[in-house]
Amino acid sequence: MVDAELALLSSDVRTDAGRVGALLAADFAEIGASGRRWLREDTIVALSKEDGGPAPETSDWLFNELAPDLVLVNYRIIAPGRESRRSSIWQLSGAGPVLRFHQGTVVPA
């Protein structure tokens, strides 16, 4: 799951709608750091339009099994001028992990 989560932070993957689509569940939803709710298609389109850049630094990874095929992942992102905490729910399947839900919360300076 770390590899899949890091892939979604990589501009090479983020700008490739096919690769992002393969990682997001059909009913994927995100609550962004801004508080906005994003659904799967909105997310794929928005990420495909990004300019790119280096992937942010990550740390403080935690993994909690919610069910035999469901894992809650928590970690911290440190990007220039902004820090956030992230939570993701990944479903494990034969084809690889699929992201069901993601939330970002800005850490105040």
PDB file of N, CA and C in Angstrom:
ATOM      1  N   MET A   1       0.805  -1.190   0.000  1.00  0.00           N
ATOM      2  CA  MET A   1       0.000   0.000   0.000  1.00  0.00           C
ATOM      3  C   MET A   1       0.853   1.262   0.000  1.00  0.00           C
ATOM      4  N   VAL A   2       2.015   1.199   0.626  1.00  0.00           N
ATOM      5  CA  VAL A   2       2.890   2.374   0.597  1.00  0.00           C
ATOM      6  C   VAL A   2       3.242   2.709  -0.843  1.00  0.00           C
ATOM      7  N   ASP A   3       3.567   1.697  -1.634  1.00  0.00           N
ATOM      8  CA  ASP A   3       3.922   1.951  -3.031  1.00  0.00           C
ATOM      9  C   ASP A   3       2.764   2.591  -3.797  1.00  0.00           C
ATOM     10  N   ALA A   4       1.551   2.116  -3.563  1.00  0.00           N
ATOM     11  CA  ALA A   4       0.386   2.686  -4.250  1.00  0.00           C
ATOM     12  C   ALA A   4       0.127   4.112  -3.786  1.00  0.00           C
ATOM     13  N   GLU A   5       0.253   4.359  -2.485  1.00  0.00           N
ATOM     14  CA  GLU A   5       0.043   5.717  -1.952  1.00  0.00           C
ATOM     15  C   GLU A   5       1.102   6.664  -2.509  1.00  0.00           C
ATOM     16  N   LEU A   6       2.359   6.220  -2.524  1.00  0.00           N
ATOM     17  CA  LEU A   6       3.429   7.056  -3.065  1.00  0.00           C
ATOM     18  C   LEU A   6       3.248   7.281  -4.566  1.00  0.00           C
ATOM     19  N   ALA A   7       2.724   6.287  -5.265  1.00  0.00           N
ATOM     20  CA  ALA A   7       2.463   6.464  -6.696  1.00  0.00           C
ATOM     21  C   ALA A   7       1.485   7.612  -6.910  1.00  0.00           C
ATOM     22  N   LEU A   8       0.473   7.710  -6.063  1.00  0.00           N
ATOM     23  CA  LEU A   8      -0.510   8.788  -6.214  1.00  0.00           C
ATOM     24  C   LEU A   8       0.058  10.159  -5.850  1.00  0.00           C
ATOM     25  N   LEU A   9       1.231  10.185  -5.233  1.00  0.00           N
ATOM     26  CA  LEU A   9       1.908  11.456  -4.949  1.00  0.00           C
ATOM     27  C   LEU A   9       2.890  11.837  -6.057  1.00  0.00           C
ATOM     28  N   SER A  10       3.163  10.903  -6.951  1.00  0.00           N
ATOM     29  CA  SER A  10       4.120  11.110  -8.045  1.00  0.00           C
ATOM     30  C   SER A  10       3.440  11.805  -9.218  1.00  0.00           C
ATOM     31  N   SER A  11       4.062  12.847  -9.752  1.00  0.00           N
ATOM     32  CA  SER A  11       3.467  13.565 -10.887  1.00  0.00           C
ATOM     33  C   SER A  11       3.349  12.672 -12.115  1.00  0.00           C
ATOM     34  N   ASP A  12       4.246  11.694 -12.273  1.00  0.00           N
ATOM     35  CA  ASP A  12       4.151  10.772 -13.416  1.00  0.00           C
ATOM     36  C   ASP A  12       2.853   9.987 -13.386  1.00  0.00           C
ATOM     37  N   VAL A  13       2.418   9.590 -12.208  1.00  0.00           N
ATOM     38  CA  VAL A  13       1.170   8.840 -12.070  1.00  0.00           C
ATOM     39  C   VAL A  13      -0.019   9.789 -12.040  1.00  0.00           C
ATOM     40  N   ARG A  14       0.080  10.860 -11.274  1.00  0.00           N
ATOM     41  CA  ARG A  14      -1.045  11.793 -11.102  1.00  0.00           C
ATOM     42  C   ARG A  14      -1.562  12.342 -12.426  1.00  0.00           C
ATOM     43  N   THR A  15      -0.680  12.575 -13.375  1.00  0.00           N
ATOM     44  CA  THR A  15      -1.084  13.150 -14.657  1.00  0.00           C
ATOM     45  C   THR A  15      -1.503  12.093 -15.681  1.00  0.00           C
ATOM     46  N   ASP A  16      -1.471  10.816 -15.299  1.00  0.00           N
ATOM     47  CA  ASP A  16      -1.854   9.715 -16.183  1.00  0.00           C
ATOM     48  C   ASP A  16      -3.221   9.189 -15.733  1.00  0.00           C
ATOM     49  N   ALA A  17      -4.274   9.615 -16.417  1.00  0.00           N
ATOM     50  CA  ALA A  17      -5.646   9.274 -16.015  1.00  0.00           C
ATOM     51  C   ALA A  17      -5.861   7.765 -15.918  1.00  0.00           C
ATOM     52  N   GLY A  18      -5.247   7.008 -16.788  1.00  0.00           N
ATOM     53  CA  GLY A  18      -5.394   5.551 -16.759  1.00  0.00           C
ATOM     54  C   GLY A  18      -4.801   4.941 -15.503  1.00  0.00           C
ATOM     55  N   ARG A  19      -3.634   5.402 -15.128  1.00  0.00           N
ATOM     56  CA  ARG A  19      -2.975   4.871 -13.927  1.00  0.00           C
ATOM     57  C   ARG A  19      -3.711   5.286 -12.660  1.00  0.00           C
ATOM     58  N   VAL A  20      -4.170   6.532 -12.612  1.00  0.00           N
ATOM     59  CA  VAL A  20      -4.940   6.979 -11.451  1.00  0.00           C
ATOM     60  C   VAL A  20      -6.243   6.189 -11.364  1.00  0.00           C
ATOM     61  N   GLY A  21      -6.921   6.042 -12.492  1.00  0.00           N
ATOM     62  CA  GLY A  21      -8.177   5.306 -12.519  1.00  0.00           C
ATOM     63  C   GLY A  21      -8.036   3.874 -12.036  1.00  0.00           C
ATOM     64  N   ALA A  22      -6.898   3.253 -12.333  1.00  0.00           N
ATOM     65  CA  ALA A  22      -6.665   1.881 -11.887  1.00  0.00           C
ATOM     66  C   ALA A  22      -6.482   1.790 -10.370  1.00  0.00           C
ATOM     67  N   LEU A  23      -6.053   2.882  -9.748  1.00  0.00           N
ATOM     68  CA  LEU A  23      -5.821   2.892  -8.292  1.00  0.00           C
ATOM     69  C   LEU A  23      -7.046   3.329  -7.490  1.00  0.00           C
ATOM     70  N   LEU A  24      -8.020   3.976  -8.121  1.00  0.00           N
ATOM     71  CA  LEU A  24      -9.189   4.483  -7.405  1.00  0.00           C
ATOM     72  C   LEU A  24     -10.389   3.559  -7.582  1.00  0.00           C
ATOM     73  N   ALA A  25     -11.057   3.248  -6.483  1.00  0.00           N
ATOM     74  CA  ALA A  25     -12.272   2.438  -6.530  1.00  0.00           C
ATOM     75  C   ALA A  25     -13.373   3.191  -7.277  1.00  0.00           C
ATOM     76  N   ALA A  26     -14.327   2.463  -7.798  1.00  0.00           N
ATOM     77  CA  ALA A  26     -15.431   3.081  -8.530  1.00  0.00           C
ATOM     78  C   ALA A  26     -16.201   4.070  -7.667  1.00  0.00           C
ATOM     79  N   ASP A  27     -16.273   3.812  -6.365  1.00  0.00           N
ATOM     80  CA  ASP A  27     -17.004   4.705  -5.454  1.00  0.00           C
ATOM     81  C   ASP A  27     -16.066   5.570  -4.607  1.00  0.00           C
ATOM     82  N   PHE A  28     -14.851   5.806  -5.115  1.00  0.00           N
ATOM     83  CA  PHE A  28     -13.859   6.606  -4.400  1.00  0.00           C
ATOM     84  C   PHE A  28     -14.396   7.996  -4.048  1.00  0.00           C
ATOM     85  N   ALA A  29     -14.038   8.459  -2.856  1.00  0.00           N
ATOM     86  CA  ALA A  29     -14.354   9.827  -2.434  1.00  0.00           C
ATOM     87  C   ALA A  29     -13.171  10.353  -1.627  1.00  0.00           C
ATOM     88  N   GLU A  30     -12.977  11.651  -1.692  1.00  0.00           N
ATOM     89  CA  GLU A  30     -11.918  12.314  -0.936  1.00  0.00           C
ATOM     90  C   GLU A  30     -12.480  13.571  -0.301  1.00  0.00           C
ATOM     91  N   ILE A  31     -12.026  13.841   0.909  1.00  0.00           N
ATOM     92  CA  ILE A  31     -12.249  15.135   1.544  1.00  0.00           C
ATOM     93  C   ILE A  31     -10.895  15.821   1.511  1.00  0.00           C
ATOM     94  N   GLY A  32     -10.767  16.836   0.676  1.00  0.00           N
ATOM     95  CA  GLY A  32      -9.494  17.524   0.514  1.00  0.00           C
ATOM     96  C   GLY A  32      -9.150  18.386   1.708  1.00  0.00           C
ATOM     97  N   ALA A  33      -7.911  18.823   1.761  1.00  0.00           N
ATOM     98  CA  ALA A  33      -7.448  19.687   2.854  1.00  0.00           C
ATOM     99  C   ALA A  33      -8.249  20.980   2.920  1.00  0.00           C
ATOM    100  N   SER A  34      -8.854  21.362   1.791  1.00  0.00           N
ATOM    101  CA  SER A  34      -9.680  22.570   1.745  1.00  0.00           C
ATOM    102  C   SER A  34     -11.080  22.332   2.312  1.00  0.00           C
ATOM    103  N   GLY A  35     -11.431  21.059   2.509  1.00  0.00           N
ATOM    104  CA  GLY A  35     -12.775  20.714   2.953  1.00  0.00           C
ATOM    105  C   GLY A  35     -13.681  20.304   1.806  1.00  0.00           C
ATOM    106  N   ARG A  36     -13.225  20.475   0.581  1.00  0.00           N
ATOM    107  CA  ARG A  36     -14.021  20.110  -0.601  1.00  0.00           C
ATOM    108  C   ARG A  36     -14.092  18.591  -0.734  1.00  0.00           C
ATOM    109  N   ARG A  37     -15.253  18.088  -1.150  1.00  0.00           N
ATOM    110  CA  ARG A  37     -15.407  16.664  -1.426  1.00  0.00           C
ATOM    111  C   ARG A  37     -15.153  16.415  -2.898  1.00  0.00           C
ATOM    112  N   TRP A  38     -14.329  15.417  -3.182  1.00  0.00           N
ATOM    113  CA  TRP A  38     -13.986  15.033  -4.547  1.00  0.00           C
ATOM    114  C   TRP A  38     -14.462  13.608  -4.783  1.00  0.00           C
ATOM    115  N   LEU A  39     -15.064  13.353  -5.933  1.00  0.00           N
ATOM    116  CA  LEU A  39     -15.428  12.003  -6.328  1.00  0.00           C
ATOM    117  C   LEU A  39     -14.428  11.504  -7.359  1.00  0.00           C
ATOM    118  N   ARG A  40     -14.528  10.259  -7.731  1.00  0.00           N
ATOM    119  CA  ARG A  40     -13.536   9.599  -8.576  1.00  0.00           C
ATOM    120  C   ARG A  40     -13.254  10.372  -9.865  1.00  0.00           C
ATOM    121  N   GLU A  41     -14.270  10.646 -10.659  1.00  0.00           N
ATOM    122  CA  GLU A  41     -14.042  11.298 -11.957  1.00  0.00           C
ATOM    123  C   GLU A  41     -13.485  12.703 -11.795  1.00  0.00           C
ATOM    124  N   ASP A  42     -13.972  13.452 -10.798  1.00  0.00           N
ATOM    125  CA  ASP A  42     -13.436  14.798 -10.529  1.00  0.00           C
ATOM    126  C   ASP A  42     -11.949  14.726 -10.201  1.00  0.00           C
ATOM    127  N   THR A  43     -11.587  13.736  -9.414  1.00  0.00           N
ATOM    128  CA  THR A  43     -10.194  13.566  -8.998  1.00  0.00           C
ATOM    129  C   THR A  43      -9.310  13.232 -10.183  1.00  0.00           C
ATOM    130  N   ILE A  44      -9.743  12.303 -11.012  1.00  0.00           N
ATOM    131  CA  ILE A  44      -8.950  11.910 -12.184  1.00  0.00           C
ATOM    132  C   ILE A  44      -8.714  13.106 -13.100  1.00  0.00           C
ATOM    133  N   VAL A  45      -9.754  13.879 -13.367  1.00  0.00           N
ATOM    134  CA  VAL A  45      -9.631  15.052 -14.247  1.00  0.00           C
ATOM    135  C   VAL A  45      -8.707  16.097 -13.622  1.00  0.00           C
ATOM    136  N   ALA A  46      -8.909  16.401 -12.340  1.00  0.00           N
ATOM    137  CA  ALA A  46      -8.100  17.431 -11.671  1.00  0.00           C
ATOM    138  C   ALA A  46      -6.621  17.045 -11.649  1.00  0.00           C
ATOM    139  N   LEU A  47      -6.332  15.793 -11.338  1.00  0.00           N
ATOM    140  CA  LEU A  47      -4.936  15.370 -11.282  1.00  0.00           C
ATOM    141  C   LEU A  47      -4.291  15.375 -12.662  1.00  0.00           C
ATOM    142  N   SER A  48      -5.040  15.047 -13.700  1.00  0.00           N
ATOM    143  CA  SER A  48      -4.472  15.019 -15.050  1.00  0.00           C
ATOM    144  C   SER A  48      -4.050  16.401 -15.533  1.00  0.00           C
ATOM    145  N   LYS A  49      -4.579  17.451 -14.896  1.00  0.00           N
ATOM    146  CA  LYS A  49      -4.263  18.825 -15.292  1.00  0.00           C
ATOM    147  C   LYS A  49      -3.143  19.457 -14.466  1.00  0.00           C
ATOM    148  N   GLU A  50      -2.603  18.727 -13.508  1.00  0.00           N
ATOM    149  CA  GLU A  50      -1.540  19.293 -12.669  1.00  0.00           C
ATOM    150  C   GLU A  50      -0.266  19.512 -13.467  1.00  0.00           C
ATOM    151  N   ASP A  51       0.528  20.473 -13.009  1.00  0.00           N
ATOM    152  CA  ASP A  51       1.786  20.802 -13.665  1.00  0.00           C
ATOM    153  C   ASP A  51       2.905  19.820 -13.341  1.00  0.00           C
ATOM    154  N   GLY A  52       2.782  19.110 -12.247  1.00  0.00           N
ATOM    155  CA  GLY A  52       3.826  18.169 -11.865  1.00  0.00           C
ATOM    156  C   GLY A  52       4.729  18.747 -10.810  1.00  0.00           C
ATOM    157  N   GLY A  53       5.920  18.233 -10.752  1.00  0.00           N
ATOM    158  CA  GLY A  53       6.872  18.638  -9.735  1.00  0.00           C
ATOM    159  C   GLY A  53       7.271  17.448  -8.897  1.00  0.00           C
ATOM    160  N   PRO A  54       8.216  17.660  -8.001  1.00  0.00           N
ATOM    161  CA  PRO A  54       8.688  16.534  -7.188  1.00  0.00           C
ATOM    162  C   PRO A  54       7.624  16.077  -6.198  1.00  0.00           C
ATOM    163  N   ALA A  55       7.643  14.801  -5.889  1.00  0.00           N
ATOM    164  CA  ALA A  55       6.734  14.253  -4.879  1.00  0.00           C
ATOM    165  C   ALA A  55       7.117  14.821  -3.519  1.00  0.00           C
ATOM    166  N   PRO A  56       6.137  15.076  -2.670  1.00  0.00           N
ATOM    167  CA  PRO A  56       6.450  15.625  -1.350  1.00  0.00           C
ATOM    168  C   PRO A  56       7.093  14.578  -0.441  1.00  0.00           C
ATOM    169  N   GLU A  57       7.715  15.048   0.603  1.00  0.00           N
ATOM    170  CA  GLU A  57       8.308  14.180   1.620  1.00  0.00           C
ATOM    171  C   GLU A  57       7.183  13.598   2.471  1.00  0.00           C
ATOM    172  N   THR A  58       7.322  12.335   2.845  1.00  0.00           N
ATOM    173  CA  THR A  58       6.330  11.689   3.706  1.00  0.00           C
ATOM    174  C   THR A  58       7.009  11.113   4.946  1.00  0.00           C
ATOM    175  N   SER A  59       6.221  10.967   6.021  1.00  0.00           N
ATOM    176  CA  SER A  59       6.745  10.348   7.246  1.00  0.00           C
ATOM    177  C   SER A  59       5.574   9.904   8.116  1.00  0.00           C
ATOM    178  N   ASP A  60       5.892   9.353   9.266  1.00  0.00           N
ATOM    179  CA  ASP A  60       4.913   8.975  10.299  1.00  0.00           C
ATOM    180  C   ASP A  60       3.857   7.998   9.784  1.00  0.00           C
ATOM    181  N   TRP A  61       4.260   7.004   9.028  1.00  0.00           N
ATOM    182  CA  TRP A  61       3.331   6.034   8.461  1.00  0.00           C
ATOM    183  C   TRP A  61       2.765   5.113   9.541  1.00  0.00           C
ATOM    184  N   LEU A  62       1.449   4.936   9.532  1.00  0.00           N
ATOM    185  CA  LEU A  62       0.753   3.998  10.417  1.00  0.00           C
ATOM    186  C   LEU A  62      -0.230   3.182   9.591  1.00  0.00           C
ATOM    187  N   PHE A  63      -0.396   1.910   9.940  1.00  0.00           N
ATOM    188  CA  PHE A  63      -1.298   1.017   9.223  1.00  0.00           C
ATOM    189  C   PHE A  63      -2.190   0.303  10.233  1.00  0.00           C
ATOM    190  N   ASN A  64      -3.499   0.349  10.008  1.00  0.00           N
ATOM    191  CA  ASN A  64      -4.453  -0.323  10.880  1.00  0.00           C
ATOM    192  C   ASN A  64      -5.377  -1.172  10.016  1.00  0.00           C
ATOM    193  N   GLU A  65      -5.412  -2.466  10.297  1.00  0.00           N
ATOM    194  CA  GLU A  65      -6.312  -3.355   9.574  1.00  0.00           C
ATOM    195  C   GLU A  65      -7.729  -3.154  10.092  1.00  0.00           C
ATOM    196  N   LEU A  66      -8.635  -2.757   9.224  1.00  0.00           N
ATOM    197  CA  LEU A  66     -10.031  -2.556   9.584  1.00  0.00           C
ATOM    198  C   LEU A  66     -10.845  -3.826   9.373  1.00  0.00           C
ATOM    199  N   ALA A  67     -10.456  -4.608   8.395  1.00  0.00           N
ATOM    200  CA  ALA A  67     -11.070  -5.888   8.049  1.00  0.00           C
ATOM    201  C   ALA A  67     -10.005  -6.672   7.284  1.00  0.00           C
ATOM    202  N   PRO A  68     -10.227  -7.962   7.027  1.00  0.00           N
ATOM    203  CA  PRO A  68      -9.185  -8.742   6.336  1.00  0.00           C
ATOM    204  C   PRO A  68      -8.730  -8.141   5.003  1.00  0.00           C
ATOM    205  N   ASP A  69      -9.596  -7.379   4.322  1.00  0.00           N
ATOM    206  CA  ASP A  69      -9.211  -6.813   3.030  1.00  0.00           C
ATOM    207  C   ASP A  69      -9.250  -5.293   3.008  1.00  0.00           C
ATOM    208  N   LEU A  70      -9.229  -4.661   4.189  1.00  0.00           N
ATOM    209  CA  LEU A  70      -9.355  -3.203   4.282  1.00  0.00           C
ATOM    210  C   LEU A  70      -8.335  -2.656   5.281  1.00  0.00           C
ATOM    211  N   VAL A  71      -7.543  -1.672   4.826  1.00  0.00           N
ATOM    212  CA  VAL A  71      -6.490  -1.109   5.678  1.00  0.00           C
ATOM    213  C   VAL A  71      -6.595   0.411   5.700  1.00  0.00           C
ATOM    214  N   LEU A  72      -6.525   0.971   6.903  1.00  0.00           N
ATOM    215  CA  LEU A  72      -6.469   2.414   7.100  1.00  0.00           C
ATOM    216  C   LEU A  72      -4.998   2.804   7.166  1.00  0.00           C
ATOM    217  N   VAL A  73      -4.605   3.754   6.323  1.00  0.00           N
ATOM    218  CA  VAL A  73      -3.219   4.229   6.266  1.00  0.00           C
ATOM    219  C   VAL A  73      -3.215   5.695   6.676  1.00  0.00           C
ATOM    220  N   ASN A  74      -2.334   6.048   7.621  1.00  0.00           N
ATOM    221  CA  ASN A  74      -2.155   7.442   8.049  1.00  0.00           C
ATOM    222  C   ASN A  74      -0.693   7.814   7.835  1.00  0.00           C
ATOM    223  N   TYR A  75      -0.455   9.035   7.384  1.00  0.00           N
ATOM    224  CA  TYR A  75       0.918   9.513   7.210  1.00  0.00           C
ATOM    225  C   TYR A  75       0.916  11.033   7.158  1.00  0.00           C
ATOM    226  N   ARG A  76       2.095  11.599   7.156  1.00  0.00           N
ATOM    227  CA  ARG A  76       2.281  13.047   7.116  1.00  0.00           C
ATOM    228  C   ARG A  76       2.959  13.420   5.810  1.00  0.00           C
ATOM    229  N   ILE A  77       2.532  14.531   5.223  1.00  0.00           N
ATOM    230  CA  ILE A  77       3.177  15.089   4.029  1.00  0.00           C
ATOM    231  C   ILE A  77       3.788  16.433   4.401  1.00  0.00           C
ATOM    232  N   ILE A  78       5.038  16.603   3.982  1.00  0.00           N
ATOM    233  CA  ILE A  78       5.716  17.885   4.166  1.00  0.00           C
ATOM    234  C   ILE A  78       6.080  18.385   2.774  1.00  0.00           C
ATOM    235  N   ALA A  79       5.421  19.457   2.367  1.00  0.00           N
ATOM    236  CA  ALA A  79       5.681  20.091   1.082  1.00  0.00           C
ATOM    237  C   ALA A  79       6.104  21.530   1.361  1.00  0.00           C
ATOM    238  N   PRO A  80       6.764  22.178   0.418  1.00  0.00           N
ATOM    239  CA  PRO A  80       7.189  23.561   0.652  1.00  0.00           C
ATOM    240  C   PRO A  80       6.026  24.450   1.095  1.00  0.00           C
ATOM    241  N   GLY A  81       6.134  25.004   2.296  1.00  0.00           N
ATOM    242  CA  GLY A  81       5.136  25.934   2.803  1.00  0.00           C
ATOM    243  C   GLY A  81       3.861  25.308   3.332  1.00  0.00           C
ATOM    244  N   ARG A  82       3.809  23.965   3.393  1.00  0.00           N
ATOM    245  CA  ARG A  82       2.564  23.323   3.818  1.00  0.00           C
ATOM    246  C   ARG A  82       2.835  21.921   4.367  1.00  0.00           C
ATOM    247  N   GLU A  83       2.183  21.635   5.463  1.00  0.00           N
ATOM    248  CA  GLU A  83       2.263  20.304   6.054  1.00  0.00           C
ATOM    249  C   GLU A  83       0.842  19.798   6.259  1.00  0.00           C
ATOM    250  N   SER A  84       0.636  18.509   6.034  1.00  0.00           N
ATOM    251  CA  SER A  84      -0.698  17.947   6.228  1.00  0.00           C
ATOM    252  C   SER A  84      -0.613  16.513   6.731  1.00  0.00           C
ATOM    253  N   ARG A  85      -1.679  16.085   7.363  1.00  0.00           N
ATOM    254  CA  ARG A  85      -1.866  14.694   7.773  1.00  0.00           C
ATOM    255  C   ARG A  85      -2.825  14.069   6.769  1.00  0.00           C
ATOM    256  N   ARG A  86      -2.571  12.828   6.402  1.00  0.00           N
ATOM    257  CA  ARG A  86      -3.376  12.148   5.400  1.00  0.00           C
ATOM    258  C   ARG A  86      -3.887  10.821   5.947  1.00  0.00           C
ATOM    259  N   SER A  87      -5.100  10.477   5.569  1.00  0.00           N
ATOM    260  CA  SER A  87      -5.707   9.193   5.911  1.00  0.00           C
ATOM    261  C   SER A  87      -6.283   8.593   4.647  1.00  0.00           C
ATOM    262  N   SER A  88      -6.012   7.322   4.427  1.00  0.00           N
ATOM    263  CA  SER A  88      -6.521   6.617   3.256  1.00  0.00           C
ATOM    264  C   SER A  88      -7.061   5.262   3.685  1.00  0.00           C
ATOM    265  N   ILE A  89      -8.115   4.836   3.007  1.00  0.00           N
ATOM    266  CA  ILE A  89      -8.629   3.483   3.211  1.00  0.00           C
ATOM    267  C   ILE A  89      -8.410   2.723   1.905  1.00  0.00           C
ATOM    268  N   TRP A  90      -7.609   1.672   2.002  1.00  0.00           N
ATOM    269  CA  TRP A  90      -7.262   0.848   0.847  1.00  0.00           C
ATOM    270  C   TRP A  90      -7.942  -0.505   0.965  1.00  0.00           C
ATOM    271  N   GLN A  91      -8.528  -0.946  -0.135  1.00  0.00           N
ATOM    272  CA  GLN A  91      -9.091  -2.281  -0.214  1.00  0.00           C
ATOM    273  C   GLN A  91      -8.091  -3.156  -0.952  1.00  0.00           C
ATOM    274  N   LEU A  92      -7.779  -4.292  -0.356  1.00  0.00           N
ATOM    275  CA  LEU A  92      -6.834  -5.215  -0.962  1.00  0.00           C
ATOM    276  C   LEU A  92      -7.598  -6.194  -1.842  1.00  0.00           C
ATOM    277  N   SER A  93      -7.130  -6.339  -3.073  1.00  0.00           N
ATOM    278  CA  SER A  93      -7.772  -7.259  -4.010  1.00  0.00           C
ATOM    279  C   SER A  93      -6.699  -8.013  -4.764  1.00  0.00           C
ATOM    280  N   GLY A  94      -7.115  -9.002  -5.532  1.00  0.00           N
ATOM    281  CA  GLY A  94      -6.159  -9.780  -6.313  1.00  0.00           C
ATOM    282  C   GLY A  94      -5.394  -8.947  -7.324  1.00  0.00           C
ATOM    283  N   ALA A  95      -6.011  -7.880  -7.815  1.00  0.00           N
ATOM    284  CA  ALA A  95      -5.363  -7.024  -8.815  1.00  0.00           C
ATOM    285  C   ALA A  95      -4.441  -5.989  -8.178  1.00  0.00           C
ATOM    286  N   GLY A  96      -4.440  -5.892  -6.855  1.00  0.00           N
ATOM    287  CA  GLY A  96      -3.626  -4.905  -6.157  1.00  0.00           C
ATOM    288  C   GLY A  96      -4.508  -3.995  -5.329  1.00  0.00           C
ATOM    289  N   PRO A  97      -3.904  -3.143  -4.518  1.00  0.00           N
ATOM    290  CA  PRO A  97      -4.698  -2.269  -3.654  1.00  0.00           C
ATOM    291  C   PRO A  97      -5.481  -1.227  -4.456  1.00  0.00           C
ATOM    292  N   VAL A  98      -6.683  -0.916  -3.959  1.00  0.00           N
ATOM    293  CA  VAL A  98      -7.550   0.078  -4.583  1.00  0.00           C
ATOM    294  C   VAL A  98      -7.964   1.064  -3.497  1.00  0.00           C
ATOM    295  N   LEU A  99      -7.820   2.353  -3.785  1.00  0.00           N
ATOM    296  CA  LEU A  99      -8.135   3.399  -2.821  1.00  0.00           C
ATOM    297  C   LEU A  99      -9.636   3.657  -2.790  1.00  0.00           C
ATOM    298  N   ARG A 100     -10.229   3.524  -1.599  1.00  0.00           N
ATOM    299  CA  ARG A 100     -11.674   3.743  -1.432  1.00  0.00           C
ATOM    300  C   ARG A 100     -11.968   5.153  -0.932  1.00  0.00           C
ATOM    301  N   PHE A 101     -11.098   5.677  -0.033  1.00  0.00           N
ATOM    302  CA  PHE A 101     -11.349   6.976   0.587  1.00  0.00           C
ATOM    303  C   PHE A 101     -10.017   7.617   0.950  1.00  0.00           C
ATOM    304  N   HIS A 102      -9.977   8.950   0.865  1.00  0.00           N
ATOM    305  CA  HIS A 102      -8.775   9.692   1.257  1.00  0.00           C
ATOM    306  C   HIS A 102      -9.198  11.016   1.884  1.00  0.00           C
ATOM    307  N   GLN A 103      -8.455  11.443   2.901  1.00  0.00           N
ATOM    308  CA  GLN A 103      -8.710  12.744   3.504  1.00  0.00           C
ATOM    309  C   GLN A 103      -7.377  13.394   3.853  1.00  0.00           C
ATOM    310  N   GLY A 104      -7.290  14.690   3.574  1.00  0.00           N
ATOM    311  CA  GLY A 104      -6.136  15.479   3.938  1.00  0.00           C
ATOM    312  C   GLY A 104      -6.528  16.575   4.888  1.00  0.00           C
ATOM    313  N   THR A 105      -5.715  16.794   5.917  1.00  0.00           N
ATOM    314  CA  THR A 105      -5.979  17.833   6.899  1.00  0.00           C
ATOM    315  C   THR A 105      -4.716  18.656   7.079  1.00  0.00           C
ATOM    316  N   VAL A 106      -4.811  19.963   6.855  1.00  0.00           N
ATOM    317  CA  VAL A 106      -3.652  20.841   6.976  1.00  0.00           C
ATOM    318  C   VAL A 106      -3.244  20.931   8.450  1.00  0.00           C
ATOM    319  N   VAL A 107      -1.948  20.876   8.688  1.00  0.00           N
ATOM    320  CA  VAL A 107      -1.401  21.071  10.024  1.00  0.00           C
ATOM    321  C   VAL A 107      -1.072  22.559  10.155  1.00  0.00           C
ATOM    322  N   PRO A 108      -1.694  23.240  11.116  1.00  0.00           N
ATOM    323  CA  PRO A 108      -1.428  24.683  11.262  1.00  0.00           C
ATOM    324  C   PRO A 108       0.060  24.954  11.534  1.00  0.00           C
ATOM    325  N   ALA A 109       0.535  26.068  11.036  1.00  0.00           N
ATOM    326  CA  ALA A 109       1.951  26.433  11.223  1.00  0.00           C
ATOM    327  C   ALA A 109       2.243  26.725  12.680  1.00  0.00           C
TER     328      ALA A 109
END
